[in-house]
Amino acid sequence: MTESIDIYLVRHGEAEAAWGEAKDPGVSALGREQAIAAASTLIERLPLDPVTSPLARARETAAAFERVNGEQSRVVEAFGEIPTPPEAVDRRQWLREVMEGN
């Protein structure tokens, strides 16, 4: 018999800035509220092994859960941004095209 594992994916709270406006924005005031709401839901599902992206908006979203859980999330570099190729002049346009793909 195989053991089942539940995986909860939480997207970061609303960012302070859009794709092309800032390299690594944190979360907005609304994003902080969203993070608290997500933490309130996740705390009911303990025990968890939380992991997060190293990006500011992801770390700030995870911080709300860390406060209620009392443990730090594991930061996984591979969960960061998709590297932008050097030939991409407009990152926003490039990301739009990437997201439209399969």
PDB file of N, CA and C in Angstrom:
ATOM      1  N   MET A   1       0.839  -1.189   0.000  1.00  0.00           N
ATOM      2  CA  MET A   1       0.000   0.000   0.000  1.00  0.00           C
ATOM      3  C   MET A   1       0.885   1.255   0.000  1.00  0.00           C
ATOM      4  N   THR A   2       0.566   2.195  -0.848  1.00  0.00           N
ATOM      5  CA  THR A   2       1.355   3.422  -0.916  1.00  0.00           C
ATOM      6  C   THR A   2       0.768   4.476   0.019  1.00  0.00           C
ATOM      7  N   GLU A   3       1.650   5.254   0.572  1.00  0.00           N
ATOM      8  CA  GLU A   3       1.246   6.328   1.466  1.00  0.00           C
ATOM      9  C   GLU A   3       0.847   7.548   0.626  1.00  0.00           C
ATOM     10  N   SER A   4      -0.241   8.190   0.997  1.00  0.00           N
ATOM     11  CA  SER A   4      -0.625   9.398   0.263  1.00  0.00           C
ATOM     12  C   SER A   4       0.011  10.617   0.921  1.00  0.00           C
ATOM     13  N   ILE A   5       0.300  11.579   0.109  1.00  0.00           N
ATOM     14  CA  ILE A   5       0.893  12.823   0.582  1.00  0.00           C
ATOM     15  C   ILE A   5       0.040  13.972   0.060  1.00  0.00           C
ATOM     16  N   ASP A   6      -0.328  14.866   0.940  1.00  0.00           N
ATOM     17  CA  ASP A   6      -1.054  16.065   0.530  1.00  0.00           C
ATOM     18  C   ASP A   6      -0.050  17.174   0.251  1.00  0.00           C
ATOM     19  N   ILE A   7      -0.231  17.833  -0.872  1.00  0.00           N
ATOM     20  CA  ILE A   7       0.623  18.964  -1.233  1.00  0.00           C
ATOM     21  C   ILE A   7      -0.277  20.181  -1.392  1.00  0.00           C
ATOM     22  N   TYR A   8       0.041  21.233  -0.669  1.00  0.00           N
ATOM     23  CA  TYR A   8      -0.706  22.480  -0.764  1.00  0.00           C
ATOM     24  C   TYR A   8       0.171  23.506  -1.462  1.00  0.00           C
ATOM     25  N   LEU A   9      -0.305  24.019  -2.569  1.00  0.00           N
ATOM     26  CA  LEU A   9       0.423  25.057  -3.291  1.00  0.00           C
ATOM     27  C   LEU A   9      -0.242  26.391  -2.993  1.00  0.00           C
ATOM     28  N   VAL A  10       0.537  27.337  -2.537  1.00  0.00           N
ATOM     29  CA  VAL A  10       0.028  28.664  -2.214  1.00  0.00           C
ATOM     30  C   VAL A  10       0.790  29.666  -3.050  1.00  0.00           C
ATOM     31  N   ARG A  11       0.060  30.389  -3.859  1.00  0.00           N
ATOM     32  CA  ARG A  11       0.706  31.440  -4.638  1.00  0.00           C
ATOM     33  C   ARG A  11       0.953  32.619  -3.707  1.00  0.00           C
ATOM     34  N   HIS A  12       2.002  33.347  -3.940  1.00  0.00           N
ATOM     35  CA  HIS A  12       2.319  34.507  -3.107  1.00  0.00           C
ATOM     36  C   HIS A  12       1.163  35.495  -3.097  1.00  0.00           C
ATOM     37  N   GLY A  13       1.111  36.307  -2.058  1.00  0.00           N
ATOM     38  CA  GLY A  13       0.123  37.373  -1.990  1.00  0.00           C
ATOM     39  C   GLY A  13       0.374  38.392  -3.087  1.00  0.00           C
ATOM     40  N   GLU A  14      -0.587  39.275  -3.264  1.00  0.00           N
ATOM     41  CA  GLU A  14      -0.465  40.308  -4.301  1.00  0.00           C
ATOM     42  C   GLU A  14       0.868  41.044  -4.157  1.00  0.00           C
ATOM     43  N   ALA A  15       1.591  41.130  -5.247  1.00  0.00           N
ATOM     44  CA  ALA A  15       2.897  41.796  -5.237  1.00  0.00           C
ATOM     45  C   ALA A  15       2.730  43.316  -5.246  1.00  0.00           C
ATOM     46  N   GLU A  16       3.725  44.002  -4.702  1.00  0.00           N
ATOM     47  CA  GLU A  16       3.736  45.470  -4.694  1.00  0.00           C
ATOM     48  C   GLU A  16       3.894  46.052  -6.090  1.00  0.00           C
ATOM     49  N   ALA A  17       4.494  45.280  -6.985  1.00  0.00           N
ATOM     50  CA  ALA A  17       4.765  45.764  -8.333  1.00  0.00           C
ATOM     51  C   ALA A  17       4.564  44.630  -9.328  1.00  0.00           C
ATOM     52  N   ALA A  18       4.315  44.993 -10.571  1.00  0.00           N
ATOM     53  CA  ALA A  18       4.092  44.012 -11.638  1.00  0.00           C
ATOM     54  C   ALA A  18       5.423  43.492 -12.185  1.00  0.00           C
ATOM     55  N   TRP A  19       5.322  42.499 -13.083  1.00  0.00           N
ATOM     56  CA  TRP A  19       6.487  41.832 -13.673  1.00  0.00           C
ATOM     57  C   TRP A  19       7.599  42.769 -14.088  1.00  0.00           C
ATOM     58  N   GLY A  20       7.301  43.756 -14.878  1.00  0.00           N
ATOM     59  CA  GLY A  20       8.351  44.597 -15.443  1.00  0.00           C
ATOM     60  C   GLY A  20       8.691  45.811 -14.611  1.00  0.00           C
ATOM     61  N   GLU A  21       8.003  46.017 -13.491  1.00  0.00           N
ATOM     62  CA  GLU A  21       8.201  47.231 -12.707  1.00  0.00           C
ATOM     63  C   GLU A  21       9.286  47.119 -11.648  1.00  0.00           C
ATOM     64  N   ALA A  22       9.518  45.923 -11.137  1.00  0.00           N
ATOM     65  CA  ALA A  22      10.524  45.721 -10.088  1.00  0.00           C
ATOM     66  C   ALA A  22      11.119  44.332 -10.236  1.00  0.00           C
ATOM     67  N   LYS A  23      12.390  44.219  -9.898  1.00  0.00           N
ATOM     68  CA  LYS A  23      13.072  42.936 -10.056  1.00  0.00           C
ATOM     69  C   LYS A  23      12.596  41.903  -9.040  1.00  0.00           C
ATOM     70  N   ASP A  24      12.401  42.288  -7.786  1.00  0.00           N
ATOM     71  CA  ASP A  24      12.001  41.353  -6.733  1.00  0.00           C
ATOM     72  C   ASP A  24      11.100  42.060  -5.722  1.00  0.00           C
ATOM     73  N   PRO A  25       9.869  42.375  -6.134  1.00  0.00           N
ATOM     74  CA  PRO A  25       8.987  43.117  -5.224  1.00  0.00           C
ATOM     75  C   PRO A  25       8.498  42.252  -4.063  1.00  0.00           C
ATOM     76  N   GLY A  26       8.217  42.916  -2.959  1.00  0.00           N
ATOM     77  CA  GLY A  26       7.565  42.254  -1.836  1.00  0.00           C
ATOM     78  C   GLY A  26       6.060  42.220  -2.075  1.00  0.00           C
ATOM     79  N   VAL A  27       5.287  41.974  -1.024  1.00  0.00           N
ATOM     80  CA  VAL A  27       3.833  41.960  -1.163  1.00  0.00           C
ATOM     81  C   VAL A  27       3.242  43.301  -0.757  1.00  0.00           C
ATOM     82  N   SER A  28       2.090  43.599  -1.311  1.00  0.00           N
ATOM     83  CA  SER A  28       1.361  44.820  -0.992  1.00  0.00           C
ATOM     84  C   SER A  28       0.611  44.628   0.335  1.00  0.00           C
ATOM     85  N   ALA A  29      -0.091  45.655   0.778  1.00  0.00           N
ATOM     86  CA  ALA A  29      -0.923  45.543   1.988  1.00  0.00           C
ATOM     87  C   ALA A  29      -1.970  44.443   1.789  1.00  0.00           C
ATOM     88  N   LEU A  30      -2.589  44.403   0.607  1.00  0.00           N
ATOM     89  CA  LEU A  30      -3.548  43.339   0.323  1.00  0.00           C
ATOM     90  C   LEU A  30      -2.847  41.988   0.333  1.00  0.00           C
ATOM     91  N   GLY A  31      -1.639  41.918  -0.202  1.00  0.00           N
ATOM     92  CA  GLY A  31      -0.858  40.682  -0.204  1.00  0.00           C
ATOM     93  C   GLY A  31      -0.587  40.178   1.209  1.00  0.00           C
ATOM     94  N   ARG A  32      -0.330  41.094   2.143  1.00  0.00           N
ATOM     95  CA  ARG A  32      -0.120  40.687   3.544  1.00  0.00           C
ATOM     96  C   ARG A  32      -1.402  40.108   4.127  1.00  0.00           C
ATOM     97  N   GLU A  33      -2.540  40.715   3.807  1.00  0.00           N
ATOM     98  CA  GLU A  33      -3.833  40.183   4.274  1.00  0.00           C
ATOM     99  C   GLU A  33      -4.091  38.796   3.680  1.00  0.00           C
ATOM    100  N   GLN A  34      -3.762  38.629   2.401  1.00  0.00           N
ATOM    101  CA  GLN A  34      -3.936  37.333   1.748  1.00  0.00           C
ATOM    102  C   GLN A  34      -3.035  36.276   2.397  1.00  0.00           C
ATOM    103  N   ALA A  35      -1.825  36.662   2.749  1.00  0.00           N
ATOM    104  CA  ALA A  35      -0.892  35.737   3.392  1.00  0.00           C
ATOM    105  C   ALA A  35      -1.424  35.295   4.752  1.00  0.00           C
ATOM    106  N   ILE A  36      -1.986  36.213   5.514  1.00  0.00           N
ATOM    107  CA  ILE A  36      -2.557  35.878   6.824  1.00  0.00           C
ATOM    108  C   ILE A  36      -3.738  34.926   6.659  1.00  0.00           C
ATOM    109  N   ALA A  37      -4.568  35.178   5.653  1.00  0.00           N
ATOM    110  CA  ALA A  37      -5.718  34.285   5.399  1.00  0.00           C
ATOM    111  C   ALA A  37      -5.240  32.885   5.015  1.00  0.00           C
ATOM    112  N   ALA A  38      -4.208  32.809   4.177  1.00  0.00           N
ATOM    113  CA  ALA A  38      -3.669  31.499   3.786  1.00  0.00           C
ATOM    114  C   ALA A  38      -3.075  30.788   4.996  1.00  0.00           C
ATOM    115  N   ALA A  39      -2.346  31.518   5.833  1.00  0.00           N
ATOM    116  CA  ALA A  39      -1.746  30.924   7.034  1.00  0.00           C
ATOM    117  C   ALA A  39      -2.811  30.380   7.969  1.00  0.00           C
ATOM    118  N   SER A  40      -3.909  31.112   8.094  1.00  0.00           N
ATOM    119  CA  SER A  40      -5.005  30.660   8.960  1.00  0.00           C
ATOM    120  C   SER A  40      -5.599  29.345   8.474  1.00  0.00           C
ATOM    121  N   THR A  41      -5.658  29.166   7.180  1.00  0.00           N
ATOM    122  CA  THR A  41      -6.171  27.918   6.612  1.00  0.00           C
ATOM    123  C   THR A  41      -5.146  26.794   6.762  1.00  0.00           C
ATOM    124  N   LEU A  42      -3.892  27.085   6.478  1.00  0.00           N
ATOM    125  CA  LEU A  42      -2.843  26.055   6.524  1.00  0.00           C
ATOM    126  C   LEU A  42      -2.570  25.545   7.933  1.00  0.00           C
ATOM    127  N   ILE A  43      -2.694  26.395   8.937  1.00  0.00           N
ATOM    128  CA  ILE A  43      -2.374  25.988  10.302  1.00  0.00           C
ATOM    129  C   ILE A  43      -3.280  24.844  10.755  1.00  0.00           C
ATOM    130  N   GLU A  44      -4.451  24.741  10.159  1.00  0.00           N
ATOM    131  CA  GLU A  44      -5.385  23.657  10.484  1.00  0.00           C
ATOM    132  C   GLU A  44      -4.940  22.328   9.879  1.00  0.00           C
ATOM    133  N   ARG A  45      -3.917  22.334   9.054  1.00  0.00           N
ATOM    134  CA  ARG A  45      -3.484  21.129   8.340  1.00  0.00           C
ATOM    135  C   ARG A  45      -2.120  20.620   8.818  1.00  0.00           C
ATOM    136  N   LEU A  46      -1.704  21.028  10.000  1.00  0.00           N
ATOM    137  CA  LEU A  46      -0.425  20.579  10.548  1.00  0.00           C
ATOM    138  C   LEU A  46      -0.432  19.070  10.739  1.00  0.00           C
ATOM    139  N   PRO A  47       0.706  18.397  10.691  1.00  0.00           N
ATOM    140  CA  PRO A  47       2.045  18.951  10.490  1.00  0.00           C
ATOM    141  C   PRO A  47       2.324  19.196   9.014  1.00  0.00           C
ATOM    142  N   LEU A  48       3.101  20.200   8.747  1.00  0.00           N
ATOM    143  CA  LEU A  48       3.494  20.544   7.381  1.00  0.00           C
ATOM    144  C   LEU A  48       5.006  20.719   7.322  1.00  0.00           C
ATOM    145  N   ASP A  49       5.541  20.575   6.142  1.00  0.00           N
ATOM    146  CA  ASP A  49       6.954  20.829   5.879  1.00  0.00           C
ATOM    147  C   ASP A  49       6.995  21.956   4.860  1.00  0.00           C
ATOM    148  N   PRO A  50       6.841  23.209   5.315  1.00  0.00           N
ATOM    149  CA  PRO A  50       6.722  24.308   4.359  1.00  0.00           C
ATOM    150  C   PRO A  50       8.032  24.643   3.655  1.00  0.00           C
ATOM    151  N   VAL A  51       7.908  24.878   2.356  1.00  0.00           N
ATOM    152  CA  VAL A  51       9.036  25.321   1.537  1.00  0.00           C
ATOM    153  C   VAL A  51       8.586  26.568   0.786  1.00  0.00           C
ATOM    154  N   THR A  52       9.531  27.399   0.433  1.00  0.00           N
ATOM    155  CA  THR A  52       9.208  28.636  -0.264  1.00  0.00           C
ATOM    156  C   THR A  52      10.296  29.004  -1.258  1.00  0.00           C
ATOM    157  N   SER A  53       9.912  29.832  -2.184  1.00  0.00           N
ATOM    158  CA  SER A  53      10.835  30.443  -3.124  1.00  0.00           C
ATOM    159  C   SER A  53      11.692  31.456  -2.366  1.00  0.00           C
ATOM    160  N   PRO A  54      12.866  31.787  -2.885  1.00  0.00           N
ATOM    161  CA  PRO A  54      13.688  32.818  -2.253  1.00  0.00           C
ATOM    162  C   PRO A  54      13.224  34.242  -2.572  1.00  0.00           C
ATOM    163  N   LEU A  55      12.257  34.395  -3.452  1.00  0.00           N
ATOM    164  CA  LEU A  55      11.808  35.728  -3.853  1.00  0.00           C
ATOM    165  C   LEU A  55      11.079  36.437  -2.711  1.00  0.00           C
ATOM    166  N   ALA A  56      11.226  37.751  -2.650  1.00  0.00           N
ATOM    167  CA  ALA A  56      10.677  38.547  -1.555  1.00  0.00           C
ATOM    168  C   ALA A  56       9.180  38.311  -1.363  1.00  0.00           C
ATOM    169  N   ARG A  57       8.403  38.320  -2.438  1.00  0.00           N
ATOM    170  CA  ARG A  57       6.953  38.170  -2.289  1.00  0.00           C
ATOM    171  C   ARG A  57       6.579  36.798  -1.748  1.00  0.00           C
ATOM    172  N   ALA A  58       7.331  35.775  -2.111  1.00  0.00           N
ATOM    173  CA  ALA A  58       7.076  34.431  -1.592  1.00  0.00           C
ATOM    174  C   ALA A  58       7.509  34.326  -0.130  1.00  0.00           C
ATOM    175  N   ARG A  59       8.678  34.878   0.187  1.00  0.00           N
ATOM    176  CA  ARG A  59       9.172  34.858   1.572  1.00  0.00           C
ATOM    177  C   ARG A  59       8.235  35.623   2.496  1.00  0.00           C
ATOM    178  N   GLU A  60       7.742  36.777   2.042  1.00  0.00           N
ATOM    179  CA  GLU A  60       6.832  37.568   2.869  1.00  0.00           C
ATOM    180  C   GLU A  60       5.500  36.848   3.055  1.00  0.00           C
ATOM    181  N   THR A  61       5.049  36.136   2.042  1.00  0.00           N
ATOM    182  CA  THR A  61       3.819  35.346   2.165  1.00  0.00           C
ATOM    183  C   THR A  61       4.042  34.200   3.148  1.00  0.00           C
ATOM    184  N   ALA A  62       5.173  33.525   3.045  1.00  0.00           N
ATOM    185  CA  ALA A  62       5.488  32.424   3.951  1.00  0.00           C
ATOM    186  C   ALA A  62       5.659  32.905   5.390  1.00  0.00           C
ATOM    187  N   ALA A  63       6.107  34.129   5.575  1.00  0.00           N
ATOM    188  CA  ALA A  63       6.350  34.666   6.917  1.00  0.00           C
ATOM    189  C   ALA A  63       5.085  34.655   7.772  1.00  0.00           C
ATOM    190  N   ALA A  64       3.940  34.872   7.158  1.00  0.00           N
ATOM    191  CA  ALA A  64       2.685  34.843   7.922  1.00  0.00           C
ATOM    192  C   ALA A  64       2.456  33.455   8.508  1.00  0.00           C
ATOM    193  N   PHE A  65       2.737  32.424   7.730  1.00  0.00           N
ATOM    194  CA  PHE A  65       2.594  31.052   8.224  1.00  0.00           C
ATOM    195  C   PHE A  65       3.669  30.744   9.271  1.00  0.00           C
ATOM    196  N   GLU A  66       4.871  31.231   9.046  1.00  0.00           N
ATOM    197  CA  GLU A  66       5.953  30.996  10.002  1.00  0.00           C
ATOM    198  C   GLU A  66       5.606  31.576  11.371  1.00  0.00           C
ATOM    199  N   ARG A  67       4.941  32.719  11.386  1.00  0.00           N
ATOM    200  CA  ARG A  67       4.557  33.342  12.662  1.00  0.00           C
ATOM    201  C   ARG A  67       3.570  32.468  13.429  1.00  0.00           C
ATOM    202  N   VAL A  68       2.573  31.905  12.752  1.00  0.00           N
ATOM    203  CA  VAL A  68       1.582  31.080  13.453  1.00  0.00           C
ATOM    204  C   VAL A  68       2.084  29.667  13.706  1.00  0.00           C
ATOM    205  N   ASN A  69       2.997  29.180  12.879  1.00  0.00           N
ATOM    206  CA  ASN A  69       3.525  27.826  12.994  1.00  0.00           C
ATOM    207  C   ASN A  69       4.727  27.761  13.940  1.00  0.00           C
ATOM    208  N   GLY A  70       5.455  28.868  14.057  1.00  0.00           N
ATOM    209  CA  GLY A  70       6.617  28.897  14.925  1.00  0.00           C
ATOM    210  C   GLY A  70       7.856  28.248  14.325  1.00  0.00           C
ATOM    211  N   GLU A  71       7.825  27.924  13.052  1.00  0.00           N
ATOM    212  CA  GLU A  71       8.977  27.321  12.381  1.00  0.00           C
ATOM    213  C   GLU A  71       9.259  28.049  11.075  1.00  0.00           C
ATOM    214  N   GLN A  72      10.533  28.087  10.710  1.00  0.00           N
ATOM    215  CA  GLN A  72      10.929  28.697   9.442  1.00  0.00           C
ATOM    216  C   GLN A  72      10.604  27.761   8.283  1.00  0.00           C
ATOM    217  N   SER A  73      10.234  28.338   7.164  1.00  0.00           N
ATOM    218  CA  SER A  73      10.051  27.575   5.931  1.00  0.00           C
ATOM    219  C   SER A  73      11.421  27.300   5.328  1.00  0.00           C
ATOM    220  N   ARG A  74      11.533  26.204   4.632  1.00  0.00           N
ATOM    221  CA  ARG A  74      12.767  25.873   3.920  1.00  0.00           C
ATOM    222  C   ARG A  74      12.766  26.649   2.606  1.00  0.00           C
ATOM    223  N   VAL A  75      13.810  27.414   2.335  1.00  0.00           N
ATOM    224  CA  VAL A  75      13.923  28.187   1.106  1.00  0.00           C
ATOM    225  C   VAL A  75      14.588  27.306   0.047  1.00  0.00           C
ATOM    226  N   VAL A  76      13.904  27.153  -1.091  1.00  0.00           N
ATOM    227  CA  VAL A  76      14.405  26.312  -2.176  1.00  0.00           C
ATOM    228  C   VAL A  76      14.679  27.208  -3.386  1.00  0.00           C
ATOM    229  N   GLU A  77      15.952  27.353  -3.705  1.00  0.00           N
ATOM    230  CA  GLU A  77      16.362  28.229  -4.810  1.00  0.00           C
ATOM    231  C   GLU A  77      15.671  27.873  -6.127  1.00  0.00           C
ATOM    232  N   ALA A  78      15.449  26.588  -6.372  1.00  0.00           N
ATOM    233  CA  ALA A  78      14.845  26.148  -7.637  1.00  0.00           C
ATOM    234  C   ALA A  78      13.414  26.645  -7.801  1.00  0.00           C
ATOM    235  N   PHE A  79      12.793  27.120  -6.728  1.00  0.00           N
ATOM    236  CA  PHE A  79      11.424  27.634  -6.810  1.00  0.00           C
ATOM    237  C   PHE A  79      11.388  29.117  -7.158  1.00  0.00           C
ATOM    238  N   GLY A  80      12.519  29.691  -7.527  1.00  0.00           N
ATOM    239  CA  GLY A  80      12.596  31.107  -7.873  1.00  0.00           C
ATOM    240  C   GLY A  80      12.030  31.389  -9.254  1.00  0.00           C
ATOM    241  N   GLU A  81      12.319  32.564  -9.755  1.00  0.00           N
ATOM    242  CA  GLU A  81      11.837  32.983 -11.074  1.00  0.00           C
ATOM    243  C   GLU A  81      12.425  32.137 -12.193  1.00  0.00           C
ATOM    244  N   ILE A  82      11.698  32.091 -13.280  1.00  0.00           N
ATOM    245  CA  ILE A  82      12.207  31.489 -14.501  1.00  0.00           C
ATOM    246  C   ILE A  82      13.316  32.409 -14.998  1.00  0.00           C
ATOM    247  N   PRO A  83      14.512  31.884 -15.245  1.00  0.00           N
ATOM    248  CA  PRO A  83      15.589  32.755 -15.730  1.00  0.00           C
ATOM    249  C   PRO A  83      15.227  33.366 -17.092  1.00  0.00           C
ATOM    250  N   THR A  84      15.421  34.645 -17.195  1.00  0.00           N
ATOM    251  CA  THR A  84      15.150  35.341 -18.445  1.00  0.00           C
ATOM    252  C   THR A  84      16.360  35.214 -19.361  1.00  0.00           C
ATOM    253  N   PRO A  85      16.142  34.750 -20.595  1.00  0.00           N
ATOM    254  CA  PRO A  85      17.293  34.642 -21.513  1.00  0.00           C
ATOM    255  C   PRO A  85      17.852  36.026 -21.837  1.00  0.00           C
ATOM    256  N   PRO A  86      19.154  36.127 -22.053  1.00  0.00           N
ATOM    257  CA  PRO A  86      19.784  37.425 -22.307  1.00  0.00           C
ATOM    258  C   PRO A  86      19.219  38.148 -23.527  1.00  0.00           C
ATOM    259  N   GLU A  87      18.725  37.398 -24.507  1.00  0.00           N
ATOM    260  CA  GLU A  87      18.207  38.040 -25.721  1.00  0.00           C
ATOM    261  C   GLU A  87      16.801  38.634 -25.537  1.00  0.00           C
ATOM    262  N   ALA A  88      16.150  38.355 -24.410  1.00  0.00           N
ATOM    263  CA  ALA A  88      14.811  38.907 -24.157  1.00  0.00           C
ATOM    264  C   ALA A  88      14.946  40.376 -23.779  1.00  0.00           C
ATOM    265  N   VAL A  89      14.455  41.239 -24.637  1.00  0.00           N
ATOM    266  CA  VAL A  89      14.553  42.678 -24.404  1.00  0.00           C
ATOM    267  C   VAL A  89      13.475  43.139 -23.431  1.00  0.00           C
ATOM    268  N   ASP A  90      12.264  42.631 -23.587  1.00  0.00           N
ATOM    269  CA  ASP A  90      11.128  43.017 -22.761  1.00  0.00           C
ATOM    270  C   ASP A  90      10.702  41.813 -21.922  1.00  0.00           C
ATOM    271  N   ARG A  91      11.104  41.789 -20.639  1.00  0.00           N
ATOM    272  CA  ARG A  91      10.803  40.650 -19.761  1.00  0.00           C
ATOM    273  C   ARG A  91       9.302  40.396 -19.646  1.00  0.00           C
ATOM    274  N   ARG A  92       8.512  41.448 -19.543  1.00  0.00           N
ATOM    275  CA  ARG A  92       7.050  41.263 -19.418  1.00  0.00           C
ATOM    276  C   ARG A  92       6.491  40.529 -20.627  1.00  0.00           C
ATOM    277  N   GLN A  93       6.871  40.960 -21.796  1.00  0.00           N
ATOM    278  CA  GLN A  93       6.383  40.318 -23.022  1.00  0.00           C
ATOM    279  C   GLN A  93       6.885  38.886 -23.106  1.00  0.00           C
ATOM    280  N   TRP A  94       8.130  38.681 -22.769  1.00  0.00           N
ATOM    281  CA  TRP A  94       8.712  37.342 -22.797  1.00  0.00           C
ATOM    282  C   TRP A  94       7.958  36.412 -21.839  1.00  0.00           C
ATOM    283  N   LEU A  95       7.693  36.887 -20.624  1.00  0.00           N
ATOM    284  CA  LEU A  95       6.956  36.069 -19.654  1.00  0.00           C
ATOM    285  C   LEU A  95       5.538  35.768 -20.117  1.00  0.00           C
ATOM    286  N   ARG A  96       4.882  36.735 -20.727  1.00  0.00           N
ATOM    287  CA  ARG A  96       3.531  36.492 -21.272  1.00  0.00           C
ATOM    288  C   ARG A  96       3.566  35.342 -22.270  1.00  0.00           C
ATOM    289  N   GLU A  97       4.541  35.388 -23.158  1.00  0.00           N
ATOM    290  CA  GLU A  97       4.663  34.350 -24.169  1.00  0.00           C
ATOM    291  C   GLU A  97       4.981  32.985 -23.549  1.00  0.00           C
ATOM    292  N   VAL A  98       5.834  32.963 -22.539  1.00  0.00           N
ATOM    293  CA  VAL A  98       6.160  31.720 -21.842  1.00  0.00           C
ATOM    294  C   VAL A  98       4.916  31.151 -21.161  1.00  0.00           C
ATOM    295  N   MET A  99       4.154  32.000 -20.497  1.00  0.00           N
ATOM    296  CA  MET A  99       2.966  31.556 -19.770  1.00  0.00           C
ATOM    297  C   MET A  99       1.851  31.076 -20.681  1.00  0.00           C
ATOM    298  N   GLU A 100       1.854  31.523 -21.927  1.00  0.00           N
ATOM    299  CA  GLU A 100       0.848  31.081 -22.881  1.00  0.00           C
ATOM    300  C   GLU A 100       1.170  29.708 -23.453  1.00  0.00           C
ATOM    301  N   GLY A 101       2.416  29.272 -23.296  1.00  0.00           N
ATOM    302  CA  GLY A 101       2.851  27.976 -23.832  1.00  0.00           C
ATOM    303  C   GLY A 101       2.390  26.816 -22.964  1.00  0.00           C
ATOM    304  N   ASN A 102       2.796  25.644 -23.372  1.00  0.00           N
ATOM    305  CA  ASN A 102       2.430  24.430 -22.617  1.00  0.00           C
ATOM    306  C   ASN A 102       3.522  24.062 -21.650  1.00  0.00           C
TER     307      ASN A 102
END
